[in-house]
Each structure stands twice: as structure tokens, then as C-alpha cells.
Amino acid sequence: MPAREEEIHHAEEEGIIFNLLTNPIRFIGDENNHVKEIECVKMELGEPDDSGRRRPITIKGSEHLVEADTVIVALGTMPRKFIAETSPDIKTSDWGTFLVDEESGETSKKGVFAGGDIVTGSATVIQAMGAGRVAAKAIKEYLAEN
């Protein structure tokens, strides 16, 4: 896991559960297409390849379901250009990160909030979690007012 020991420790203090060597296969929705479960498989580290890295391989028969009501797919630490291209009403920096109100995390698009790497660029998990808390509070206030 590419994280500093202190980041892992702080995440665990916040209640994060790490399911290491577990790979999601698909998201399962209910009749309204709201996610309800994630189908996963367990993995194990195989023999080292030419680079010396032990690549994960699927453990046959390890399929299992994890309950979920929200899924946030977070891959990589750089903004994808398609986000700005498909949401031109969200202002971005020259690097493609979202410009937000620092107090609330609200973007230039009313009712859309952001935090973490999409705002700051590559940073720590703890910083992203803090931004998520700020945005969650602002979202709650926004919903109460609208």
C-alpha cells in the first residue's frame, strides 16, 4: 500500500477498514440501480516476476459480497481531463484540479462539492479525509437550505 505508516495509523483511528489483497469485480445494484453490494475476490501474491515484484493472483472460489450503499472509485492521484471536458461549468486550475471554496469545498457549480486529490493534487489520505469532512458538513447545510 503506497502510504506512510502514520497515514495508515490515522486512517485506522478514523475507522477505515483495510481489506488488503481483495479485488472488486463488480458493483451490484438494487431495482433502482443504487449500489447495495460489491462482489470481490481474495488475492494472494504470486511468485516474483522479472522485475522482482510479486503480482497478485486470484484465489479461486474466494468470491464474496461486501455490503455498500456508496462507492467512490479512486484510482490514481492526478485529475482526469475528461472531468473538466464533460463538466465545463466546474472551474479548474491549469493542472486540471477543481477550484473550490476553501471553507466548504463547493465548486463553481452550485451544489457540487469536492475535496482530496481532485482539489489539491497528490496529497495524503488524511488530508483527503479532512476535506471530505469539510465537504460533508457543507453538503448537509446545503441540503437543509435547499
Protein backbone atom coordinates (compact mmCIF):
# COMPACT_ATOMS: atom_id res chain seq x y z
CA MET A 1 0.00 0.00 0.00
CA PRO A 2 1.66 3.25 -1.09
CA ALA A 3 1.08 5.18 2.13
CA ARG A 4 3.19 6.34 5.04
CA GLU A 5 2.87 4.39 8.30
CA GLU A 6 1.34 7.42 10.01
CA GLU A 7 -1.30 7.71 7.29
CA ILE A 8 -2.32 4.10 7.80
CA HIS A 9 -2.41 4.58 11.57
CA HIS A 10 -4.56 7.72 11.31
CA ALA A 11 -6.91 6.09 8.83
CA GLU A 12 -7.42 3.15 11.16
CA GLU A 13 -8.11 5.59 14.02
CA GLU A 14 -10.82 7.12 11.82
CA GLY A 15 -12.45 3.71 11.41
CA ILE A 16 -11.12 2.78 7.98
CA ILE A 17 -11.06 -0.97 7.42
CA PHE A 18 -8.39 -2.16 5.02
CA ASN A 19 -9.33 -5.25 3.01
CA LEU A 20 -5.88 -5.94 1.64
CA LEU A 21 -5.42 -8.35 -1.25
CA THR A 22 -9.11 -8.03 -2.08
CA ASN A 23 -10.17 -7.07 -5.58
CA PRO A 24 -13.62 -5.73 -6.55
CA ILE A 25 -15.14 -7.49 -9.55
CA ARG A 26 -18.47 -5.72 -9.95
CA PHE A 27 -20.96 -3.45 -8.27
CA ILE A 28 -24.43 -4.86 -7.63
CA GLY A 29 -27.42 -2.52 -7.54
CA ASP A 30 -30.99 -2.77 -6.38
CA GLU A 31 -34.10 -2.30 -8.52
CA ASN A 32 -33.41 1.47 -8.58
CA ASN A 33 -29.78 0.97 -9.64
CA HIS A 34 -28.49 2.12 -6.24
CA VAL A 35 -25.42 0.17 -5.20
CA LYS A 36 -26.08 -2.39 -2.48
CA GLU A 37 -23.12 -4.77 -2.72
CA ILE A 38 -19.67 -5.18 -4.20
CA GLU A 39 -18.62 -8.58 -5.44
CA CYS A 40 -14.98 -9.20 -4.53
CA VAL A 41 -12.34 -11.91 -4.71
CA LYS A 42 -9.41 -12.56 -2.42
CA MET A 43 -5.94 -12.38 -3.90
CA GLU A 44 -2.56 -13.80 -2.94
CA LEU A 45 0.92 -12.78 -4.00
CA GLY A 46 2.37 -14.98 -6.73
CA GLU A 47 5.98 -15.72 -7.49
CA PRO A 48 8.25 -12.74 -8.26
CA ASP A 49 8.28 -11.72 -11.93
CA ASP A 50 11.31 -10.44 -13.90
CA SER A 51 11.17 -7.13 -12.04
CA GLY A 52 11.14 -8.92 -8.68
CA ARG A 53 7.59 -7.87 -7.91
CA ARG A 54 5.15 -10.45 -6.60
CA ARG A 55 1.97 -9.85 -8.55
CA PRO A 56 -1.43 -10.57 -7.00
CA ILE A 57 -3.30 -13.59 -8.35
CA THR A 58 -6.91 -14.55 -7.69
CA ILE A 59 -7.69 -17.25 -5.15
CA LYS A 60 -10.25 -19.47 -6.88
CA GLY A 61 -13.52 -19.84 -5.00
CA SER A 62 -12.88 -16.76 -2.85
CA GLU A 63 -15.74 -14.72 -4.30
CA HIS A 64 -17.73 -12.87 -1.65
CA LEU A 65 -20.09 -9.93 -1.28
CA VAL A 66 -19.47 -6.75 0.68
CA GLU A 67 -22.46 -4.59 1.61
CA ALA A 68 -22.24 -1.00 0.39
CA ASP A 69 -24.52 1.99 -0.07
CA THR A 70 -21.92 4.28 -1.61
CA VAL A 71 -18.89 3.56 -3.78
CA ILE A 72 -16.16 6.06 -4.50
CA VAL A 73 -13.79 4.88 -7.20
CA ALA A 74 -10.43 6.50 -6.54
CA LEU A 75 -7.73 5.46 -8.95
CA GLY A 76 -4.51 7.41 -9.19
CA THR A 77 -3.65 10.84 -7.91
CA MET A 78 -3.98 13.02 -10.99
CA PRO A 79 -7.21 14.55 -12.30
CA ARG A 80 -8.57 13.04 -15.49
CA LYS A 81 -9.07 15.55 -18.30
CA PHE A 82 -12.49 14.16 -19.18
CA ILE A 83 -13.92 15.54 -15.93
CA ALA A 84 -13.26 19.15 -16.93
CA GLU A 85 -14.27 18.40 -20.52
CA THR A 86 -17.62 16.90 -19.53
CA SER A 87 -18.34 19.43 -16.77
CA PRO A 88 -17.32 22.80 -18.25
CA ASP A 89 -19.27 24.66 -15.52
CA ILE A 90 -16.79 23.42 -12.91
CA LYS A 91 -13.78 25.73 -12.92
CA THR A 92 -10.39 24.04 -12.89
CA SER A 93 -6.78 25.09 -12.45
CA ASP A 94 -4.16 24.83 -15.19
CA TRP A 95 -3.33 21.38 -13.74
CA GLY A 96 -6.94 20.18 -14.01
CA THR A 97 -7.72 20.32 -10.30
CA PHE A 98 -11.07 21.70 -9.19
CA LEU A 99 -11.18 25.22 -7.83
CA VAL A 100 -13.28 25.19 -4.66
CA ASP A 101 -14.33 27.42 -1.81
CA GLU A 102 -11.81 26.58 0.94
CA GLU A 103 -14.44 26.85 3.68
CA SER A 104 -16.95 24.45 2.13
CA GLY A 105 -15.36 22.55 -0.75
CA GLU A 106 -18.10 23.83 -3.08
CA THR A 107 -17.09 24.05 -6.71
CA SER A 108 -18.19 26.74 -9.14
CA LYS A 109 -21.17 24.53 -9.97
CA LYS A 110 -23.89 25.11 -7.40
CA GLY A 111 -24.45 22.05 -5.23
CA VAL A 112 -21.31 20.22 -6.34
CA PHE A 113 -18.60 19.77 -3.72
CA ALA A 114 -15.11 18.30 -3.97
CA GLY A 115 -12.07 17.52 -1.87
CA GLY A 116 -8.92 15.44 -1.88
CA ASP A 117 -6.61 14.93 -4.82
CA ILE A 118 -9.08 16.42 -7.32
CA VAL A 119 -8.62 19.72 -5.47
CA THR A 120 -5.08 19.60 -4.07
CA GLY A 121 -3.33 17.24 -6.41
CA SER A 122 -1.47 14.32 -4.89
CA ALA A 123 -1.60 14.54 -1.09
CA THR A 124 -2.15 12.30 1.92
CA VAL A 125 -5.18 10.18 2.68
CA ILE A 126 -5.63 12.10 5.94
CA GLN A 127 -5.79 15.41 4.06
CA ALA A 128 -8.38 13.94 1.71
CA MET A 129 -10.41 12.64 4.66
CA GLY A 130 -10.29 16.07 6.28
CA ALA A 131 -11.51 17.68 3.06
CA GLY A 132 -14.27 15.08 2.91
CA ARG A 133 -15.44 16.02 6.39
CA VAL A 134 -15.46 19.72 5.49
CA ALA A 135 -17.43 19.00 2.33
CA ALA A 136 -19.85 16.64 4.14
CA LYS A 137 -20.70 19.37 6.65
CA ALA A 138 -21.21 21.88 3.85
CA ILE A 139 -23.33 19.41 1.86
CA LYS A 140 -25.54 18.80 4.90
CA GLU A 141 -26.03 22.57 5.31
CA TYR A 142 -26.67 22.96 1.57
CA LEU A 143 -29.33 20.25 1.57
CA ALA A 144 -31.02 21.71 4.65
CA GLU A 145 -31.28 25.09 2.92
CA ASN A 146 -32.47 23.80 -0.47
